[in-house]
Amino acid sequence: MNKNLIGLTGGIATGKSTVANYLATAYNLPILDADIYARDAVSVGSPILSQIAEKYGTEIILHDGNLNRAKLGEIIFNQPEERDWVESVIHPYVRNCFDQAIKESSANTLILVIPLLFEANLESLVNQIWVVSCSAQQQQQRLIERNNLTPEQAAARINSQLPISEKIARADVNLDNSSTLESLLQQIDLVIRKSI
């Protein structure tokens, strides 16, 4: 049986989690989340965390053994070649987690939340791509408020991803999250009826 694998992507702080949570609660769809797998990849004592510490020094590790995400963020969001290196270490692990979870799931439809779907060349994992978008100003404002960043830090994170316009051009569905939550949920309801 062929599964319906929907790749949910978008820019940072455009509303992917809101869409995923709604699909899980309103439609009872299983959610596979790349961010959770990526966090797991660098969990305390993991081989990938050791590789990162070897490259950037022990100050990249907090006293409790966890990754110092803020410190790593400062490195990778300002130096594309360092970001590429970190992603080359983490992405194969994430892909492997997806392959495993898809194989083990008995559900017909799965939602794969992959913020870097295009950047990590993971399009082949899914048979539909949904992008969550909003205006550049909204994206920056939401990111500043959510992560307590300066405008410069927010811009560096946004600019590290493919432009949202390019993601929209390559997607099957664009969910526009620049209006109200109600408007976003209505769009999801419409798309779901056609997709499942």
N, C-alpha and C. Protein backbone atom coordinates (compact mmCIF):
# COMPACT_ATOMS: atom_id res chain seq x y z
N MET A 1 0.84 -1.19 0.00
CA MET A 1 0.00 0.00 0.00
C MET A 1 0.87 1.24 0.00
N ASN A 2 0.59 2.15 -0.90
CA ASN A 2 1.35 3.39 -0.94
C ASN A 2 0.82 4.38 0.07
N LYS A 3 1.72 4.92 0.85
CA LYS A 3 1.30 5.90 1.85
C LYS A 3 1.26 7.29 1.23
N ASN A 4 0.38 8.10 1.78
CA ASN A 4 0.30 9.51 1.39
C ASN A 4 1.21 10.28 2.34
N LEU A 5 2.36 10.71 1.85
CA LEU A 5 3.36 11.37 2.69
C LEU A 5 3.39 12.86 2.35
N ILE A 6 2.89 13.67 3.28
CA ILE A 6 2.79 15.11 3.05
C ILE A 6 3.96 15.81 3.75
N GLY A 7 4.78 16.49 2.97
CA GLY A 7 5.90 17.24 3.53
C GLY A 7 5.43 18.65 3.87
N LEU A 8 5.50 18.99 5.14
CA LEU A 8 5.07 20.32 5.60
C LEU A 8 6.32 21.15 5.87
N THR A 9 6.46 22.25 5.12
CA THR A 9 7.65 23.08 5.27
C THR A 9 7.26 24.55 5.25
N GLY A 10 8.24 25.42 5.17
CA GLY A 10 7.99 26.86 5.21
C GLY A 10 9.21 27.53 5.80
N GLY A 11 9.15 28.82 5.97
CA GLY A 11 10.27 29.53 6.59
C GLY A 11 10.19 29.40 8.10
N ILE A 12 11.27 29.77 8.75
CA ILE A 12 11.30 29.79 10.21
C ILE A 12 10.23 30.78 10.71
N ALA A 13 9.44 30.38 11.69
CA ALA A 13 8.41 31.24 12.31
C ALA A 13 7.27 31.63 11.37
N THR A 14 6.98 30.79 10.36
CA THR A 14 5.83 31.09 9.49
C THR A 14 4.55 30.39 9.96
N GLY A 15 4.68 29.40 10.86
CA GLY A 15 3.48 28.76 11.40
C GLY A 15 3.37 27.26 11.16
N LYS A 16 4.49 26.59 10.90
CA LYS A 16 4.46 25.14 10.64
C LYS A 16 3.90 24.37 11.83
N SER A 17 4.31 24.75 13.04
CA SER A 17 3.84 24.03 14.24
C SER A 17 2.33 24.19 14.42
N THR A 18 1.83 25.38 14.13
CA THR A 18 0.38 25.62 14.24
C THR A 18 -0.37 24.69 13.30
N VAL A 19 0.12 24.57 12.06
CA VAL A 19 -0.52 23.69 11.06
C VAL A 19 -0.41 22.24 11.50
N ALA A 20 0.77 21.82 11.93
CA ALA A 20 0.98 20.43 12.35
C ALA A 20 0.09 20.08 13.53
N ASN A 21 0.00 20.97 14.52
CA ASN A 21 -0.84 20.70 15.70
C ASN A 21 -2.31 20.56 15.31
N TYR A 22 -2.74 21.40 14.38
CA TYR A 22 -4.14 21.32 13.93
C TYR A 22 -4.40 20.00 13.19
N LEU A 23 -3.48 19.61 12.33
CA LEU A 23 -3.64 18.34 11.59
C LEU A 23 -3.67 17.16 12.56
N ALA A 24 -2.89 17.25 13.63
CA ALA A 24 -2.85 16.16 14.61
C ALA A 24 -4.14 16.12 15.43
N THR A 25 -4.62 17.29 15.88
CA THR A 25 -5.79 17.30 16.76
C THR A 25 -7.11 17.19 15.99
N ALA A 26 -7.24 17.92 14.88
CA ALA A 26 -8.52 17.92 14.15
C ALA A 26 -8.69 16.70 13.26
N TYR A 27 -7.56 16.19 12.72
CA TYR A 27 -7.66 15.08 11.76
C TYR A 27 -6.96 13.81 12.23
N ASN A 28 -6.39 13.86 13.44
CA ASN A 28 -5.76 12.68 14.02
C ASN A 28 -4.66 12.11 13.13
N LEU A 29 -3.94 12.99 12.46
CA LEU A 29 -2.86 12.53 11.57
C LEU A 29 -1.54 12.44 12.34
N PRO A 30 -0.78 11.37 12.11
CA PRO A 30 0.52 11.25 12.78
C PRO A 30 1.49 12.31 12.24
N ILE A 31 2.24 12.92 13.14
CA ILE A 31 3.20 13.96 12.78
C ILE A 31 4.62 13.43 13.03
N LEU A 32 5.45 13.46 12.00
CA LEU A 32 6.86 13.13 12.15
C LEU A 32 7.62 14.44 12.01
N ASP A 33 8.42 14.79 13.01
CA ASP A 33 9.01 16.13 13.06
C ASP A 33 10.53 16.09 12.97
N ALA A 34 11.07 16.71 11.92
CA ALA A 34 12.52 16.74 11.71
C ALA A 34 13.25 17.40 12.87
N ASP A 35 12.64 18.42 13.48
CA ASP A 35 13.30 19.12 14.58
C ASP A 35 13.51 18.20 15.79
N ILE A 36 12.54 17.32 16.02
CA ILE A 36 12.68 16.37 17.14
C ILE A 36 13.82 15.40 16.85
N TYR A 37 13.88 14.90 15.61
CA TYR A 37 14.97 13.99 15.24
C TYR A 37 16.33 14.70 15.31
N ALA A 38 16.35 15.97 14.89
CA ALA A 38 17.61 16.72 14.91
C ALA A 38 18.08 16.96 16.34
N ARG A 39 17.12 17.20 17.24
CA ARG A 39 17.48 17.37 18.66
C ARG A 39 18.03 16.05 19.22
N ASP A 40 17.38 14.96 18.82
CA ASP A 40 17.81 13.65 19.26
C ASP A 40 19.23 13.34 18.75
N ALA A 41 19.52 13.81 17.54
CA ALA A 41 20.84 13.57 16.92
C ALA A 41 21.97 14.13 17.77
N VAL A 42 21.69 15.24 18.48
CA VAL A 42 22.73 15.88 19.29
C VAL A 42 22.45 15.74 20.79
N SER A 43 21.75 14.65 21.16
CA SER A 43 21.45 14.44 22.58
C SER A 43 22.75 14.15 23.34
N VAL A 44 22.68 14.28 24.65
CA VAL A 44 23.86 14.11 25.50
C VAL A 44 24.54 12.77 25.21
N GLY A 45 25.84 12.82 24.94
CA GLY A 45 26.62 11.60 24.72
C GLY A 45 26.51 11.00 23.33
N SER A 46 25.75 11.64 22.42
CA SER A 46 25.60 11.06 21.08
C SER A 46 26.89 11.24 20.27
N PRO A 47 27.13 10.33 19.31
CA PRO A 47 28.33 10.45 18.47
C PRO A 47 28.36 11.77 17.68
N ILE A 48 27.18 12.24 17.27
CA ILE A 48 27.12 13.49 16.49
C ILE A 48 27.51 14.68 17.37
N LEU A 49 27.05 14.67 18.62
CA LEU A 49 27.42 15.75 19.54
C LEU A 49 28.94 15.74 19.76
N SER A 50 29.53 14.55 19.86
CA SER A 50 30.99 14.45 20.03
C SER A 50 31.72 15.04 18.83
N GLN A 51 31.20 14.76 17.63
CA GLN A 51 31.82 15.32 16.41
C GLN A 51 31.78 16.85 16.42
N ILE A 52 30.63 17.40 16.84
CA ILE A 52 30.47 18.86 16.89
C ILE A 52 31.44 19.46 17.91
N ALA A 53 31.56 18.79 19.07
CA ALA A 53 32.46 19.28 20.12
C ALA A 53 33.91 19.20 19.66
N GLU A 54 34.22 18.16 18.90
CA GLU A 54 35.58 18.00 18.39
C GLU A 54 35.93 19.14 17.44
N LYS A 55 34.94 19.56 16.66
CA LYS A 55 35.19 20.62 15.68
C LYS A 55 35.22 22.01 16.32
N TYR A 56 34.30 22.28 17.25
CA TYR A 56 34.16 23.65 17.77
C TYR A 56 34.68 23.83 19.20
N GLY A 57 35.16 22.77 19.81
CA GLY A 57 35.71 22.90 21.16
C GLY A 57 34.67 22.63 22.23
N THR A 58 35.15 22.38 23.44
CA THR A 58 34.25 21.96 24.52
C THR A 58 33.30 23.06 24.99
N GLU A 59 33.60 24.33 24.65
CA GLU A 59 32.67 25.39 25.08
C GLU A 59 31.33 25.32 24.33
N ILE A 60 31.26 24.44 23.33
CA ILE A 60 30.00 24.25 22.61
C ILE A 60 29.07 23.33 23.43
N ILE A 61 29.61 22.74 24.52
CA ILE A 61 28.82 21.86 25.39
C ILE A 61 28.56 22.57 26.71
N LEU A 62 27.30 22.53 27.16
CA LEU A 62 26.93 23.13 28.45
C LEU A 62 27.42 22.22 29.60
N HIS A 63 27.38 22.76 30.83
CA HIS A 63 27.86 21.99 31.99
C HIS A 63 27.10 20.68 32.17
N ASP A 64 25.83 20.64 31.77
CA ASP A 64 25.05 19.41 31.95
C ASP A 64 25.23 18.41 30.81
N GLY A 65 26.13 18.74 29.87
CA GLY A 65 26.42 17.81 28.77
C GLY A 65 25.61 18.07 27.52
N ASN A 66 24.63 19.00 27.59
CA ASN A 66 23.82 19.33 26.42
C ASN A 66 24.56 20.28 25.48
N LEU A 67 24.10 20.29 24.24
CA LEU A 67 24.64 21.22 23.24
C LEU A 67 24.27 22.65 23.61
N ASN A 68 25.22 23.55 23.51
CA ASN A 68 24.96 24.98 23.71
C ASN A 68 24.40 25.52 22.38
N ARG A 69 23.07 25.48 22.25
CA ARG A 69 22.42 25.83 20.98
C ARG A 69 22.66 27.29 20.60
N ALA A 70 22.67 28.16 21.61
CA ALA A 70 22.88 29.59 21.32
C ALA A 70 24.26 29.80 20.70
N LYS A 71 25.26 29.13 21.28
CA LYS A 71 26.63 29.28 20.78
C LYS A 71 26.77 28.71 19.38
N LEU A 72 26.18 27.52 19.16
CA LEU A 72 26.24 26.91 17.83
C LEU A 72 25.50 27.79 16.83
N GLY A 73 24.37 28.35 17.25
CA GLY A 73 23.59 29.25 16.38
C GLY A 73 24.41 30.44 15.92
N GLU A 74 25.18 31.01 16.84
CA GLU A 74 26.02 32.16 16.48
C GLU A 74 27.04 31.78 15.41
N ILE A 75 27.55 30.55 15.49
CA ILE A 75 28.54 30.09 14.51
C ILE A 75 27.87 29.84 13.15
N ILE A 76 26.82 29.02 13.16
CA ILE A 76 26.29 28.55 11.87
C ILE A 76 25.42 29.57 11.15
N PHE A 77 24.79 30.49 11.89
CA PHE A 77 23.95 31.45 11.18
C PHE A 77 24.74 32.62 10.62
N ASN A 78 26.03 32.68 10.94
CA ASN A 78 26.86 33.74 10.39
C ASN A 78 27.92 33.21 9.41
N GLN A 79 28.06 31.88 9.34
CA GLN A 79 29.07 31.28 8.46
C GLN A 79 28.45 30.11 7.70
N PRO A 80 28.03 30.36 6.47
CA PRO A 80 27.33 29.31 5.70
C PRO A 80 28.10 28.00 5.58
N GLU A 81 29.43 28.08 5.47
CA GLU A 81 30.20 26.83 5.31
C GLU A 81 30.15 25.99 6.59
N GLU A 82 30.07 26.67 7.75
CA GLU A 82 29.95 25.93 9.02
C GLU A 82 28.55 25.31 9.14
N ARG A 83 27.55 26.07 8.70
CA ARG A 83 26.18 25.53 8.72
C ARG A 83 26.10 24.29 7.83
N ASP A 84 26.72 24.37 6.65
CA ASP A 84 26.72 23.22 5.73
C ASP A 84 27.35 21.99 6.40
N TRP A 85 28.44 22.22 7.13
CA TRP A 85 29.13 21.10 7.77
C TRP A 85 28.22 20.47 8.84
N VAL A 86 27.61 21.29 9.68
CA VAL A 86 26.75 20.78 10.76
C VAL A 86 25.57 20.02 10.14
N GLU A 87 24.98 20.59 9.10
CA GLU A 87 23.84 19.92 8.46
C GLU A 87 24.25 18.60 7.82
N SER A 88 25.47 18.55 7.26
CA SER A 88 25.92 17.30 6.61
C SER A 88 26.09 16.18 7.64
N VAL A 89 26.29 16.55 8.89
CA VAL A 89 26.43 15.55 9.96
C VAL A 89 25.05 15.13 10.49
N ILE A 90 24.12 16.09 10.56
CA ILE A 90 22.82 15.82 11.18
C ILE A 90 21.78 15.27 10.19
N HIS A 91 21.77 15.78 8.95
CA HIS A 91 20.71 15.40 8.00
C HIS A 91 20.61 13.89 7.72
N PRO A 92 21.73 13.17 7.54
CA PRO A 92 21.57 11.72 7.29
C PRO A 92 20.89 11.00 8.46
N TYR A 93 21.18 11.43 9.68
CA TYR A 93 20.53 10.84 10.86
C TYR A 93 19.03 11.11 10.81
N VAL A 94 18.66 12.36 10.49
CA VAL A 94 17.25 12.75 10.44
C VAL A 94 16.52 11.93 9.37
N ARG A 95 17.15 11.81 8.21
CA ARG A 95 16.53 11.05 7.11
C ARG A 95 16.30 9.60 7.52
N ASN A 96 17.27 9.04 8.19
CA ASN A 96 17.17 7.67 8.66
C ASN A 96 15.99 7.50 9.63
N CYS A 97 15.81 8.49 10.51
CA CYS A 97 14.68 8.46 11.46
C CYS A 97 13.35 8.49 10.71
N PHE A 98 13.26 9.34 9.69
CA PHE A 98 12.03 9.40 8.88
C PHE A 98 11.77 8.05 8.21
N ASP A 99 12.79 7.49 7.56
CA ASP A 99 12.63 6.21 6.85
C ASP A 99 12.09 5.14 7.79
N GLN A 100 12.67 5.10 8.99
CA GLN A 100 12.28 4.11 10.01
C GLN A 100 10.83 4.33 10.45
N ALA A 101 10.48 5.58 10.75
CA ALA A 101 9.13 5.90 11.25
C ALA A 101 8.07 5.63 10.18
N ILE A 102 8.38 5.94 8.93
CA ILE A 102 7.43 5.70 7.83
C ILE A 102 7.19 4.20 7.70
N LYS A 103 8.27 3.44 7.75
CA LYS A 103 8.18 1.98 7.62
C LYS A 103 7.33 1.38 8.74
N GLU A 104 7.52 1.91 9.95
CA GLU A 104 6.84 1.32 11.12
C GLU A 104 5.39 1.79 11.28
N SER A 105 5.01 2.87 10.61
CA SER A 105 3.66 3.42 10.81
C SER A 105 2.62 2.63 10.00
N SER A 106 1.45 2.43 10.62
CA SER A 106 0.37 1.74 9.90
C SER A 106 -0.61 2.75 9.29
N ALA A 107 -0.36 4.05 9.51
CA ALA A 107 -1.28 5.08 9.00
C ALA A 107 -1.14 5.23 7.48
N ASN A 108 -2.26 5.58 6.84
CA ASN A 108 -2.23 5.82 5.39
C ASN A 108 -1.61 7.16 5.05
N THR A 109 -1.89 8.16 5.88
CA THR A 109 -1.38 9.52 5.65
C THR A 109 -0.51 9.93 6.81
N LEU A 110 0.68 10.43 6.47
CA LEU A 110 1.61 10.93 7.49
C LEU A 110 2.02 12.35 7.14
N ILE A 111 2.17 13.17 8.17
CA ILE A 111 2.66 14.55 7.96
C ILE A 111 4.12 14.58 8.40
N LEU A 112 5.00 14.94 7.48
CA LEU A 112 6.43 15.05 7.78
C LEU A 112 6.77 16.54 7.87
N VAL A 113 7.01 17.02 9.07
CA VAL A 113 7.34 18.44 9.26
C VAL A 113 8.85 18.58 9.05
N ILE A 114 9.23 19.22 7.94
CA ILE A 114 10.65 19.33 7.58
C ILE A 114 10.96 20.78 7.21
N PRO A 115 11.40 21.60 8.18
CA PRO A 115 11.68 23.00 7.87
C PRO A 115 12.65 23.18 6.70
N LEU A 116 13.66 22.30 6.61
CA LEU A 116 14.67 22.42 5.55
C LEU A 116 14.45 21.37 4.46
N LEU A 117 13.19 21.13 4.12
CA LEU A 117 12.85 20.11 3.12
C LEU A 117 13.64 20.30 1.82
N PHE A 118 13.64 21.51 1.29
CA PHE A 118 14.34 21.77 0.03
C PHE A 118 15.85 21.87 0.25
N GLU A 119 16.24 22.58 1.32
CA GLU A 119 17.66 22.79 1.58
C GLU A 119 18.39 21.47 1.81
N ALA A 120 17.70 20.50 2.42
CA ALA A 120 18.32 19.20 2.73
C ALA A 120 18.05 18.17 1.63
N ASN A 121 17.44 18.61 0.53
CA ASN A 121 17.11 17.72 -0.59
C ASN A 121 16.32 16.49 -0.14
N LEU A 122 15.27 16.72 0.63
CA LEU A 122 14.45 15.62 1.14
C LEU A 122 13.10 15.50 0.41
N GLU A 123 12.97 16.18 -0.73
CA GLU A 123 11.69 16.13 -1.47
C GLU A 123 11.30 14.70 -1.83
N SER A 124 12.30 13.83 -2.06
CA SER A 124 12.00 12.46 -2.48
C SER A 124 11.32 11.64 -1.39
N LEU A 125 11.35 12.14 -0.15
CA LEU A 125 10.70 11.44 0.96
C LEU A 125 9.18 11.54 0.88
N VAL A 126 8.67 12.57 0.22
CA VAL A 126 7.23 12.87 0.28
C VAL A 126 6.60 12.87 -1.11
N ASN A 127 5.26 12.76 -1.16
CA ASN A 127 4.60 12.84 -2.46
C ASN A 127 3.72 14.08 -2.61
N GLN A 128 3.69 14.91 -1.55
CA GLN A 128 3.02 16.22 -1.63
C GLN A 128 3.82 17.19 -0.78
N ILE A 129 3.92 18.44 -1.22
CA ILE A 129 4.64 19.43 -0.42
C ILE A 129 3.70 20.60 -0.12
N TRP A 130 3.54 20.88 1.17
CA TRP A 130 2.75 22.02 1.62
C TRP A 130 3.69 23.04 2.25
N VAL A 131 3.57 24.28 1.84
CA VAL A 131 4.40 25.35 2.41
C VAL A 131 3.51 26.28 3.23
N VAL A 132 3.97 26.63 4.42
CA VAL A 132 3.29 27.64 5.24
C VAL A 132 4.05 28.95 5.06
N SER A 133 3.35 30.00 4.66
CA SER A 133 4.04 31.26 4.37
C SER A 133 3.35 32.43 5.09
N CYS A 134 4.09 33.52 5.20
CA CYS A 134 3.54 34.79 5.67
C CYS A 134 4.44 35.88 5.11
N SER A 135 4.12 37.12 5.36
CA SER A 135 4.95 38.20 4.81
C SER A 135 6.30 38.23 5.52
N ALA A 136 7.30 38.80 4.86
CA ALA A 136 8.65 38.87 5.43
C ALA A 136 8.66 39.64 6.75
N GLN A 137 7.85 40.72 6.80
CA GLN A 137 7.79 41.52 8.03
C GLN A 137 7.21 40.71 9.18
N GLN A 138 6.13 39.97 8.89
CA GLN A 138 5.51 39.14 9.93
C GLN A 138 6.47 38.06 10.41
N GLN A 139 7.15 37.45 9.45
CA GLN A 139 8.09 36.38 9.79
C GLN A 139 9.17 36.90 10.74
N GLN A 140 9.74 38.04 10.40
CA GLN A 140 10.81 38.60 11.23
C GLN A 140 10.28 38.97 12.62
N GLN A 141 9.11 39.61 12.65
CA GLN A 141 8.52 40.02 13.93
C GLN A 141 8.21 38.82 14.82
N ARG A 142 7.62 37.79 14.22
CA ARG A 142 7.27 36.58 15.00
C ARG A 142 8.53 35.92 15.56
N LEU A 143 9.57 35.89 14.74
CA LEU A 143 10.82 35.25 15.16
C LEU A 143 11.49 36.03 16.29
N ILE A 144 11.50 37.34 16.17
CA ILE A 144 12.08 38.21 17.21
C ILE A 144 11.34 37.97 18.53
N GLU A 145 10.00 37.95 18.46
CA GLU A 145 9.20 37.78 19.68
C GLU A 145 9.31 36.37 20.25
N ARG A 146 9.28 35.37 19.37
CA ARG A 146 9.29 33.98 19.83
C ARG A 146 10.64 33.59 20.44
N ASN A 147 11.73 34.00 19.77
CA ASN A 147 13.06 33.54 20.21
C ASN A 147 13.85 34.61 20.93
N ASN A 148 13.21 35.77 21.15
CA ASN A 148 13.87 36.85 21.86
C ASN A 148 15.19 37.25 21.18
N LEU A 149 15.12 37.49 19.87
CA LEU A 149 16.31 37.80 19.08
C LEU A 149 16.35 39.28 18.73
N THR A 150 17.53 39.74 18.35
CA THR A 150 17.64 41.09 17.78
C THR A 150 17.19 41.02 16.32
N PRO A 151 16.84 42.13 15.69
CA PRO A 151 16.47 42.09 14.27
C PRO A 151 17.59 41.48 13.40
N GLU A 152 18.85 41.73 13.77
CA GLU A 152 19.98 41.19 12.99
C GLU A 152 20.05 39.67 13.12
N GLN A 153 19.85 39.17 14.35
CA GLN A 153 19.89 37.72 14.56
C GLN A 153 18.74 37.04 13.81
N ALA A 154 17.56 37.67 13.86
CA ALA A 154 16.40 37.12 13.16
C ALA A 154 16.65 37.08 11.65
N ALA A 155 17.20 38.18 11.12
CA ALA A 155 17.48 38.25 9.68
C ALA A 155 18.49 37.18 9.26
N ALA A 156 19.52 36.93 10.09
CA ALA A 156 20.53 35.91 9.77
C ALA A 156 19.88 34.53 9.67
N ARG A 157 18.94 34.24 10.58
CA ARG A 157 18.28 32.93 10.56
C ARG A 157 17.36 32.81 9.34
N ILE A 158 16.62 33.87 9.05
CA ILE A 158 15.71 33.84 7.89
C ILE A 158 16.53 33.70 6.59
N ASN A 159 17.62 34.45 6.50
CA ASN A 159 18.43 34.44 5.28
C ASN A 159 19.22 33.15 5.08
N SER A 160 19.30 32.33 6.16
CA SER A 160 20.02 31.06 6.02
C SER A 160 19.16 30.02 5.30
N GLN A 161 17.88 30.34 5.10
CA GLN A 161 16.98 29.41 4.42
C GLN A 161 16.67 29.92 3.01
N LEU A 162 16.17 29.01 2.18
CA LEU A 162 15.72 29.42 0.83
C LEU A 162 14.64 30.48 0.98
N PRO A 163 14.58 31.46 0.07
CA PRO A 163 13.51 32.45 0.15
C PRO A 163 12.14 31.76 0.08
N ILE A 164 11.20 32.28 0.85
CA ILE A 164 9.86 31.67 0.92
C ILE A 164 9.20 31.63 -0.45
N SER A 165 9.48 32.63 -1.28
CA SER A 165 8.88 32.65 -2.63
C SER A 165 9.33 31.44 -3.45
N GLU A 166 10.57 31.03 -3.24
CA GLU A 166 11.09 29.87 -3.97
C GLU A 166 10.44 28.58 -3.45
N LYS A 167 10.22 28.52 -2.14
CA LYS A 167 9.56 27.35 -1.56
C LYS A 167 8.12 27.23 -2.10
N ILE A 168 7.44 28.39 -2.17
CA ILE A 168 6.06 28.39 -2.67
C ILE A 168 6.04 27.90 -4.12
N ALA A 169 7.00 28.36 -4.92
CA ALA A 169 7.05 27.98 -6.34
C ALA A 169 7.26 26.48 -6.51
N ARG A 170 7.91 25.84 -5.55
CA ARG A 170 8.22 24.41 -5.68
C ARG A 170 7.22 23.52 -4.94
N ALA A 171 6.22 24.12 -4.29
CA ALA A 171 5.28 23.34 -3.48
C ALA A 171 4.00 23.03 -4.24
N ASP A 172 3.25 22.05 -3.74
CA ASP A 172 1.94 21.71 -4.29
C ASP A 172 0.85 22.60 -3.70
N VAL A 173 1.07 23.01 -2.44
CA VAL A 173 0.06 23.79 -1.71
C VAL A 173 0.76 24.90 -0.95
N ASN A 174 0.17 26.12 -1.00
CA ASN A 174 0.67 27.21 -0.16
C ASN A 174 -0.41 27.58 0.84
N LEU A 175 -0.09 27.46 2.12
CA LEU A 175 -1.00 27.86 3.19
C LEU A 175 -0.55 29.25 3.64
N ASP A 176 -1.36 30.25 3.37
CA ASP A 176 -1.00 31.63 3.65
C ASP A 176 -1.37 31.98 5.10
N ASN A 177 -0.34 32.18 5.92
CA ASN A 177 -0.56 32.46 7.33
C ASN A 177 -0.30 33.93 7.65
N SER A 178 -0.71 34.82 6.74
CA SER A 178 -0.48 36.25 7.01
C SER A 178 -1.74 36.94 7.52
N SER A 179 -2.85 36.17 7.62
CA SER A 179 -4.09 36.75 8.11
C SER A 179 -4.40 36.18 9.50
N THR A 180 -5.63 35.75 9.73
CA THR A 180 -6.03 35.25 11.05
C THR A 180 -5.80 33.75 11.16
N LEU A 181 -5.80 33.26 12.39
CA LEU A 181 -5.70 31.81 12.62
C LEU A 181 -6.88 31.10 11.97
N GLU A 182 -8.05 31.70 12.07
CA GLU A 182 -9.27 31.10 11.48
C GLU A 182 -9.09 30.92 9.97
N SER A 183 -8.53 31.92 9.32
CA SER A 183 -8.29 31.86 7.87
C SER A 183 -7.33 30.72 7.54
N LEU A 184 -6.28 30.56 8.35
CA LEU A 184 -5.30 29.49 8.13
C LEU A 184 -5.97 28.12 8.27
N LEU A 185 -6.76 27.95 9.32
CA LEU A 185 -7.40 26.66 9.56
C LEU A 185 -8.41 26.32 8.47
N GLN A 186 -9.10 27.34 7.95
CA GLN A 186 -10.04 27.10 6.83
C GLN A 186 -9.29 26.61 5.59
N GLN A 187 -8.13 27.19 5.33
CA GLN A 187 -7.32 26.75 4.18
C GLN A 187 -6.91 25.28 4.36
N ILE A 188 -6.52 24.93 5.58
CA ILE A 188 -6.11 23.55 5.85
C ILE A 188 -7.29 22.61 5.59
N ASP A 189 -8.48 22.97 6.10
CA ASP A 189 -9.68 22.14 5.92
C ASP A 189 -9.95 21.89 4.43
N LEU A 190 -9.83 22.94 3.64
CA LEU A 190 -10.08 22.82 2.19
C LEU A 190 -9.08 21.87 1.54
N VAL A 191 -7.81 22.04 1.86
CA VAL A 191 -6.75 21.24 1.24
C VAL A 191 -6.86 19.79 1.67
N ILE A 192 -7.16 19.57 2.95
CA ILE A 192 -7.25 18.21 3.48
C ILE A 192 -8.32 17.40 2.76
N ARG A 193 -9.44 18.05 2.47
CA ARG A 193 -10.53 17.33 1.79
C ARG A 193 -10.07 16.81 0.44
N LYS A 194 -9.20 17.56 -0.22
CA LYS A 194 -8.72 17.13 -1.56
C LYS A 194 -7.56 16.15 -1.46
N SER A 195 -6.86 16.16 -0.33
CA SER A 195 -5.58 15.44 -0.24
C SER A 195 -5.70 14.04 0.36
N ILE A 196 -6.75 13.83 1.13
CA ILE A 196 -6.81 12.54 1.85
C ILE A 196 -7.89 11.63 1.26
